[in-house]
Protein backbone atom coordinates (compact mmCIF):
# COMPACT_ATOMS: atom_id res chain seq x y z
CA MET A 1 77.19 125.42 84.62
CA ILE A 2 79.81 122.87 83.72
CA ASN A 3 78.97 120.66 80.70
CA ILE A 4 81.01 117.23 81.54
CA SER A 5 80.27 115.88 78.21
CA GLU A 6 82.11 119.06 76.51
CA GLU A 7 85.20 118.44 78.85
CA LEU A 8 85.28 114.93 77.99
CA PHE A 9 85.13 115.37 74.25
CA LYS A 10 88.01 117.68 74.86
CA TYR A 11 90.43 114.77 76.56
CA ASN A 12 89.23 112.16 74.02
CA PRO A 13 89.72 113.39 70.33
CA TRP A 14 89.53 109.58 68.94
CA TRP A 15 85.82 109.84 69.53
CA GLU A 16 85.50 112.22 66.62
CA GLY A 17 87.91 110.69 64.21
CA GLU A 18 91.39 109.24 63.40
CA TYR A 19 93.94 109.33 66.16
CA SER A 20 97.41 110.12 65.37
CA LEU A 21 100.26 110.02 68.03
CA SER A 22 103.91 111.28 67.59
CA LEU A 23 105.58 109.65 70.72
CA ILE A 24 108.41 107.23 70.89
CA PRO A 25 107.31 103.97 72.18
CA ARG A 26 108.48 102.55 75.33
CA GLU A 27 108.01 99.10 74.44
CA LYS A 28 108.76 97.14 77.88
CA TYR A 29 105.87 99.06 79.58
CA ILE A 30 103.53 98.79 76.86
CA ARG A 31 104.09 94.94 76.88
CA TYR A 32 103.45 94.78 80.56
CA LEU A 33 100.19 96.82 80.14
CA GLU A 34 99.18 94.83 77.06
CA SER A 35 99.64 91.44 79.12
CA ASP A 36 97.29 92.60 81.60
CA LEU A 37 94.29 93.49 79.63
CA LYS A 38 92.19 90.45 80.15
CA ASN A 39 91.83 90.57 83.80
CA ARG A 40 90.09 93.25 85.71
CA ASP A 41 92.81 94.44 88.03
CA ILE A 42 93.20 98.19 88.43
CA ILE A 43 96.67 99.24 86.84
CA LEU A 44 98.68 101.72 88.87
CA ILE A 45 101.26 103.77 87.14
CA THR A 46 103.38 105.42 89.32
CA GLY A 47 106.97 107.22 89.28
CA LEU A 48 108.73 110.48 89.37
CA ARG A 49 107.19 113.57 87.69
CA LYS A 50 107.51 114.12 83.94
CA VAL A 51 109.09 110.63 83.77
CA GLY A 52 106.62 109.82 80.89
CA LYS A 53 103.49 108.29 82.69
CA THR A 54 100.95 110.27 80.51
CA SER A 55 102.79 109.35 77.38
CA ILE A 56 102.58 105.50 78.40
CA MET A 57 98.96 105.74 78.94
CA LYS A 58 98.27 107.59 75.50
CA LEU A 59 100.77 104.81 73.76
CA MET A 60 98.31 102.49 75.54
CA ILE A 61 95.37 104.11 74.19
CA SER A 62 96.87 104.14 70.71
CA ARG A 63 97.40 100.17 70.89
CA LEU A 64 93.61 99.75 72.45
CA LEU A 65 92.24 101.60 69.34
CA LYS A 66 93.52 98.85 67.07
CA ASP A 67 91.09 96.33 68.71
CA VAL A 68 88.65 98.30 70.64
CA LYS A 69 85.87 100.77 69.73
CA PRO A 70 87.12 104.47 70.28
CA GLU A 71 83.96 105.34 72.13
CA HIS A 72 84.95 102.43 74.56
CA ILE A 73 88.15 104.13 75.55
CA LEU A 74 87.97 107.03 77.99
CA TYR A 75 90.82 109.29 79.19
CA VAL A 76 90.56 112.13 81.95
CA SER A 77 93.48 114.19 83.82
CA LEU A 78 91.88 114.52 87.39
CA ASP A 79 93.64 117.85 87.69
CA SER A 80 91.05 119.44 85.42
CA ILE A 81 89.62 122.18 87.13
CA PRO A 82 85.99 122.02 85.46
CA LEU A 83 85.80 118.44 86.54
CA GLU A 84 86.87 118.89 90.27
CA PRO A 85 83.32 118.94 91.53
CA PHE A 86 82.58 115.60 89.96
CA SER A 87 83.46 112.15 91.25
CA THR A 88 84.83 109.69 89.28
CA MET A 89 81.64 107.72 89.23
CA GLU A 90 79.98 110.85 88.21
CA ILE A 91 82.46 111.16 85.29
CA LEU A 92 81.94 107.47 84.25
CA ARG A 93 78.07 107.52 84.37
CA GLU A 94 78.13 110.57 82.19
CA TYR A 95 80.52 108.93 79.66
CA ARG A 96 78.52 105.61 79.53
CA LYS A 97 75.42 108.29 78.84
CA ILE A 98 77.08 109.97 76.02
CA PHE A 99 77.33 106.98 74.14
CA LYS A 100 74.53 104.64 75.60
CA ILE A 101 76.92 102.15 77.02
CA PRO A 102 75.08 99.67 79.58
CA LEU A 103 76.97 98.96 82.72
CA GLU A 104 77.81 95.32 81.77
CA GLN A 105 79.74 96.43 78.80
CA LYS A 106 83.46 96.59 79.15
CA VAL A 107 85.01 99.87 78.87
CA TYR A 108 88.72 101.17 79.35
CA VAL A 109 89.06 104.00 81.62
CA PHE A 110 92.46 105.98 81.95
CA PHE A 111 92.67 108.49 85.17
CA ASP A 112 95.85 110.52 84.71
CA GLU A 113 96.93 112.58 87.76
CA ALA A 114 94.92 110.33 90.09
CA GLY A 115 96.95 111.76 93.15
CA CYS A 116 94.76 114.95 92.64
CA ARG A 117 91.69 113.22 94.29
CA THR A 118 92.41 112.76 98.08
CA ASN A 119 89.73 109.90 98.24
CA ILE A 120 90.75 108.32 94.91
CA HIS A 121 91.27 104.90 96.68
CA GLN A 122 87.69 104.66 97.73
CA GLU A 123 86.46 106.22 94.26
CA LEU A 124 88.54 103.30 92.29
CA LYS A 125 87.13 100.56 94.62
CA ASN A 126 83.56 101.90 94.10
CA LEU A 127 83.92 101.74 90.44
CA TYR A 128 85.76 98.48 90.64
CA ASP A 129 82.87 96.94 92.44
CA SER A 130 80.13 98.53 90.39
CA GLU A 131 81.08 98.37 86.91
CA ASN A 132 82.48 96.30 83.87
CA VAL A 133 85.60 98.46 83.54
CA LYS A 134 89.36 98.10 83.34
CA ILE A 135 90.88 101.08 85.15
CA PHE A 136 94.45 102.63 84.65
CA ALA A 137 95.26 105.23 87.08
CA SER A 138 98.47 107.38 87.39
CA SER A 139 100.13 109.47 90.28
CA SER A 140 103.53 110.95 91.34
CA SER A 141 102.58 110.16 95.02
CA ALA A 142 103.80 106.82 96.39
CA THR A 143 101.40 107.63 99.37
CA ILE A 144 98.20 107.97 97.21
CA LEU A 145 98.79 104.54 95.08
CA ASN A 146 100.14 102.75 98.10
CA ASP A 147 96.73 103.78 100.06
CA THR A 148 94.84 102.70 96.99
CA ARG A 149 96.66 99.46 96.67
CA ALA A 150 96.11 98.64 100.54
CA MET A 151 92.28 99.13 99.97
CA LEU A 152 92.18 97.06 96.61
CA THR A 153 94.30 94.16 97.98
CA GLY A 154 94.43 91.59 95.29
CA ARG A 155 92.77 93.93 92.63
CA ALA A 156 95.39 96.12 91.82
CA ARG A 157 98.62 96.07 90.29
CA LEU A 158 101.52 98.50 90.34
CA ILE A 159 103.91 99.46 87.63
CA GLU A 160 106.50 102.26 88.16
CA ILE A 161 107.68 104.36 85.01
CA MET A 162 111.54 104.93 85.60
CA PRO A 163 113.64 107.38 83.61
CA LEU A 164 115.27 106.29 80.12
CA ASP A 165 117.60 103.46 80.32
CA PHE A 166 120.39 103.25 78.00
CA ARG A 167 118.56 101.47 75.30
CA GLU A 168 115.76 103.95 75.40
CA TYR A 169 118.20 107.04 75.48
CA LEU A 170 119.75 106.09 72.35
CA GLN A 171 116.17 105.53 70.78
CA PHE A 172 115.20 108.86 72.14
CA LYS A 173 118.27 110.42 70.58
CA SER A 174 117.65 108.67 67.10
CA ILE A 175 120.93 106.64 67.71
CA THR A 176 121.57 103.61 65.96
CA ILE A 177 124.90 101.74 66.61
CA LYS A 178 126.28 99.28 64.15
CA ARG A 179 128.46 96.20 65.12
CA SER A 180 131.43 98.23 63.24
CA GLN A 181 130.93 101.28 65.51
CA THR A 182 130.80 99.40 69.10
CA TYR A 183 133.82 101.80 70.01
CA LEU A 184 131.21 104.73 70.14
CA LEU A 185 129.25 102.88 72.86
CA GLU A 186 131.47 104.33 75.61
CA SER A 187 131.21 107.87 74.66
CA TYR A 188 127.46 107.90 74.05
CA PHE A 189 127.17 106.21 77.55
CA GLU A 190 129.28 109.07 79.24
CA GLU A 191 126.73 111.39 77.60
CA TYR A 192 124.03 109.28 79.17
CA MET A 193 125.62 109.38 82.52
CA LYS A 194 125.74 113.20 82.25
CA ASN A 195 122.24 113.89 80.93
CA GLY A 196 120.20 111.12 82.61
CA GLY A 197 116.92 109.77 81.31
CA ILE A 198 114.26 112.40 81.78
CA PRO A 199 112.35 111.90 78.39
CA GLU A 200 111.98 115.89 77.58
CA TYR A 201 115.22 116.68 78.87
CA VAL A 202 117.08 114.10 76.77
CA LEU A 203 114.82 115.63 73.49
CA THR A 204 115.67 119.06 74.41
CA GLY A 205 118.57 119.75 76.49
CA ASP A 206 116.83 122.26 78.10
CA ILE A 207 118.21 122.80 81.86
CA ASN A 208 115.29 124.86 82.91
CA TYR A 209 113.12 121.76 82.23
CA LEU A 210 115.35 119.99 85.14
CA ASP A 211 114.95 123.09 87.15
CA ASN A 212 111.09 123.24 87.04
CA LEU A 213 110.84 119.48 87.75
CA ILE A 214 112.71 119.89 91.10
CA GLU A 215 110.59 123.12 91.98
CA SER A 216 107.32 121.11 91.02
CA VAL A 217 108.38 118.15 93.37
CA ILE A 218 109.24 120.37 96.23
CA TYR A 219 106.17 122.83 96.02
CA LYS A 220 103.58 120.38 95.07
CA ASP A 221 104.65 116.99 96.10
CA ILE A 222 106.19 117.79 99.31
CA VAL A 223 105.47 121.58 100.58
CA SER A 224 101.49 121.34 99.56
CA ALA A 225 101.11 117.80 100.03
CA PHE A 226 102.45 117.68 103.64
CA GLY A 227 101.90 121.12 104.83
CA ILE A 228 105.54 122.15 105.17
CA ARG A 229 105.82 126.03 105.86
CA ASP A 230 109.71 126.26 105.50
CA VAL A 231 110.32 125.88 101.82
CA GLY A 232 114.09 126.85 102.13
CA MET A 233 114.59 123.92 104.67
CA VAL A 234 113.15 121.41 102.05
CA LYS A 235 115.36 122.84 99.32
CA ASP A 236 118.63 122.73 101.70
CA PHE A 237 117.70 119.12 102.45
CA CYS A 238 117.33 118.30 98.76
CA ARG A 239 120.97 119.60 98.09
CA LEU A 240 122.29 117.55 100.94
CA ILE A 241 120.70 114.31 100.17
CA MET A 242 121.79 114.74 96.35
CA GLU A 243 125.40 115.37 97.63
CA ARG A 244 125.08 111.95 99.16
CA VAL A 245 124.03 109.64 96.29
CA GLY A 246 125.66 106.21 96.50
CA LYS A 247 126.61 106.89 100.12
CA LEU A 248 125.30 105.78 103.55
CA VAL A 249 122.83 108.39 104.83
CA SER A 250 123.51 109.58 108.61
CA ILE A 251 120.06 111.02 109.71
CA ASN A 252 121.91 112.53 112.54
CA LYS A 253 124.39 114.20 110.55
CA ILE A 254 121.91 115.93 108.47
CA ALA A 255 119.98 117.08 111.48
CA ARG A 256 123.01 118.66 112.90
CA ILE A 257 123.85 120.33 109.73
CA LEU A 258 120.44 121.71 109.14
CA ASP A 259 119.82 122.47 112.75
CA ILE A 260 116.71 120.19 112.78
CA SER A 261 115.52 117.22 115.01
CA PRO A 262 116.72 113.71 113.56
CA ASP A 263 112.82 113.01 113.68
CA THR A 264 112.42 115.83 111.30
CA ALA A 265 115.25 114.71 109.11
CA ARG A 266 113.71 111.13 108.88
CA ARG A 267 110.46 112.72 107.98
CA TYR A 268 111.98 114.77 105.16
CA LEU A 269 113.67 111.84 103.93
CA GLU A 270 110.48 109.88 103.66
CA TYR A 271 108.77 112.59 101.89
CA PHE A 272 111.16 112.81 99.47
CA ARG A 273 111.41 108.99 98.77
CA LYS A 274 107.44 108.94 98.26
CA THR A 275 107.87 111.66 95.35
CA TYR A 276 110.24 108.96 93.94
CA LEU A 277 113.01 111.52 93.53
CA ILE A 278 115.31 109.38 95.53
CA HIS A 279 115.76 105.50 96.33
CA LEU A 280 116.92 103.87 99.62
CA VAL A 281 118.62 100.90 99.99
CA GLU A 282 118.78 98.90 103.11
CA ARG A 283 121.46 96.66 104.84
CA LYS A 284 121.17 93.15 104.43
CA GLY A 285 120.42 91.16 107.97
CA LYS A 286 117.93 90.76 110.47
CA LEU A 287 115.06 93.11 110.98
CA ASN A 288 116.54 94.87 114.03
CA GLU A 289 119.68 95.28 112.11
CA ARG A 290 118.03 96.82 109.02
CA ILE A 291 115.97 99.27 111.08
CA LYS A 292 119.06 100.51 113.12
CA SER A 293 121.52 100.85 110.10
CA PRO A 294 121.75 103.69 107.69
CA ARG A 295 120.45 103.33 104.60
CA LYS A 296 122.12 104.12 100.96
CA ILE A 297 120.64 106.63 98.88
CA TYR A 298 120.33 106.91 95.15
CA ALA A 299 118.72 109.42 92.70
CA ALA A 300 115.75 108.62 90.64
CA ASP A 301 117.81 110.19 87.82
CA VAL A 302 121.38 110.87 87.35
CA GLY A 303 120.81 114.26 85.25
CA ILE A 304 118.81 115.60 88.36
CA ARG A 305 121.74 114.39 90.51
CA ASN A 306 123.99 116.28 88.25
CA LEU A 307 122.05 119.39 88.26
CA PHE A 308 122.98 119.82 91.94
CA ASN A 309 126.51 118.37 91.86
CA GLY A 310 127.85 118.97 88.52
CA PHE A 311 129.30 116.16 86.44
CA ARG A 312 131.75 114.81 88.66
CA ASP A 313 132.52 111.89 91.05
CA LYS A 314 131.67 109.45 87.87
CA GLY A 315 132.11 106.57 90.18
CA ALA A 316 128.99 107.71 92.16
CA ILE A 317 127.08 108.37 88.84
CA PHE A 318 127.95 105.08 87.41
CA GLU A 319 127.03 102.94 90.76
CA ASN A 320 123.59 104.87 90.44
CA LEU A 321 122.85 103.73 87.02
CA VAL A 322 123.74 100.36 88.18
CA TYR A 323 121.33 100.61 91.03
CA LEU A 324 118.62 101.84 88.77
CA SER A 325 119.17 98.76 86.34
CA ILE A 326 118.47 96.11 89.35
CA LYS A 327 116.03 98.30 91.34
CA GLU A 328 113.16 96.10 90.70
CA LYS A 329 114.83 93.37 92.30
CA GLN A 330 114.85 94.95 95.70
CA PRO A 331 118.71 94.77 96.47
CA PHE A 332 120.29 95.17 100.07
CA TYR A 333 123.83 96.43 100.51
CA ILE A 334 125.96 94.22 102.79
CA TYR A 335 128.27 95.82 105.60
CA GLN A 336 130.17 93.15 107.74
CA ASP A 337 133.56 93.74 109.53
CA GLY A 338 134.02 97.38 108.19
CA ILE A 339 133.68 95.95 104.58
CA GLU A 340 130.81 97.10 102.39
CA ILE A 341 129.55 95.36 99.15
CA ASP A 342 127.33 97.30 97.01
CA PHE A 343 124.46 95.02 96.34
CA TYR A 344 122.96 91.86 97.21
CA TRP A 345 119.76 90.08 96.14
CA ASP A 346 118.85 86.56 95.34
CA ASP A 347 122.02 84.94 96.32
CA THR A 348 123.92 87.34 94.06
CA ILE A 349 126.31 89.89 95.17
CA LEU A 350 127.62 92.71 93.01
CA GLU A 351 130.21 95.42 93.48
CA VAL A 352 130.70 98.69 91.43
CA LYS A 353 134.11 100.01 91.05
CA TYR A 354 134.10 102.17 88.05
CA GLY A 355 137.74 102.31 86.55
CA ARG A 356 139.03 100.98 90.00
CA ASN A 357 140.09 97.79 91.52
CA MET A 358 138.91 96.56 94.97
CA GLU A 359 141.29 96.80 97.89
CA ASP A 360 142.84 93.45 99.13
CA LYS A 361 140.61 93.32 102.13
CA GLN A 362 137.30 93.88 100.19
CA LYS A 363 138.44 91.52 97.26
CA ASP A 364 139.27 88.74 99.83
CA PHE A 365 135.81 89.21 101.56
CA PHE A 366 134.02 89.21 98.03
CA GLU A 367 135.72 86.18 97.10
CA LYS A 368 134.88 84.29 100.28
CA TYR A 369 131.08 85.55 100.42
CA PRO A 370 128.86 82.63 100.12
CA ALA A 371 126.73 83.80 97.19
CA LYS A 372 126.18 81.56 94.06
CA ARG A 373 126.51 84.57 91.52
CA LYS A 374 129.36 87.33 91.95
CA LEU A 375 129.40 90.24 89.73
CA LEU A 376 132.25 92.94 89.49
CA ILE A 377 131.33 95.82 87.31
CA LEU A 378 134.56 98.00 86.42
CA THR A 379 133.71 99.32 82.89
CA VAL A 380 130.86 100.41 80.75
CA ASN A 381 131.28 97.08 78.89
CA ASP A 382 130.73 95.08 82.33
CA TYR A 383 127.51 97.28 82.74
CA LEU A 384 126.21 96.62 79.09
CA ASP A 385 126.96 92.99 79.55
CA MET A 386 125.16 92.93 82.91
CA ILE A 387 121.80 94.39 81.31
CA GLY A 388 122.09 92.22 78.20
CA PHE A 389 122.68 95.27 75.92
CA VAL A 390 123.35 93.90 72.33
CA VAL A 391 124.53 95.63 69.21
CA ARG A 392 122.47 94.09 66.15
């Protein structure tokens, strides 16, 4: 017979003594989570596999332990086989029994790998409605968490954990740049363009780690999750879309290359988007224009993109990094009279030209376009200025 109590003690070492954590903090996410502690909203932590969701949870637990009793914090990974037969309600009730914590007393609960439970949205709703609990739940599946968010309208907030940005990259590499060393920024940034920002890969440089990450996404998040039989086709599709980073995606062209129907190609593209391996940008315009127009594709991480394509076409890699830095603004691209501008949001236009100048026709369009703010990113320094990178 499975002993739930024994399993829970394995996951929660702080119940039995001091808890030390040797993880590099990612302050922007911790600050966001800390600011939300006082309300009851469920926090849904999402993002690509291996991007650091579990680490963020452990860091948050470490912060909570400064002000909260250790026994009032529960962490469980829901991919645990011994805990599979038990609902989250049963797990939480057993946990309260261990420490004799009444239902009205607030506890902080972290459910990692929540996507492993097909009915997690209903389970979380039941907990929210019946207990005094602050819930954090993580998943690499946009489908699971979007379903949960829909069921918990007004009661859930979503935070997407991204690969390391340039500041975090330097932090993970233990690189400190002094004011007298700003000339080094460009070479470090090129290294960042090559490696990307998957935390463990940045720390180890083990290319097999990225290979295994892609395999996990394909087999666990796509093939298994959506019941696809042709694994080879999924891998070919992945290679094709990674080759098109920074470009408009033609569903019909991909369908012809792979000898599949446009509907199948469209469905596969959506599967990859739901795993957070890629991001898609729509054309600015009326709804019918947005639906009919091709979308631009960007990789969640340029290191993964480079795994497929090698470190070439630096312009596309640079544009991808610019996109990742503005992704939360939900930008569109502009296409008008045969001229394209990379990004538009909030009366701002942004064009990326890595080490190149705009052609006269595009330059004229850019200058005359009715936007309050116009950004032209030509160099690494332009990019660093845009993200507010300051050497202290």
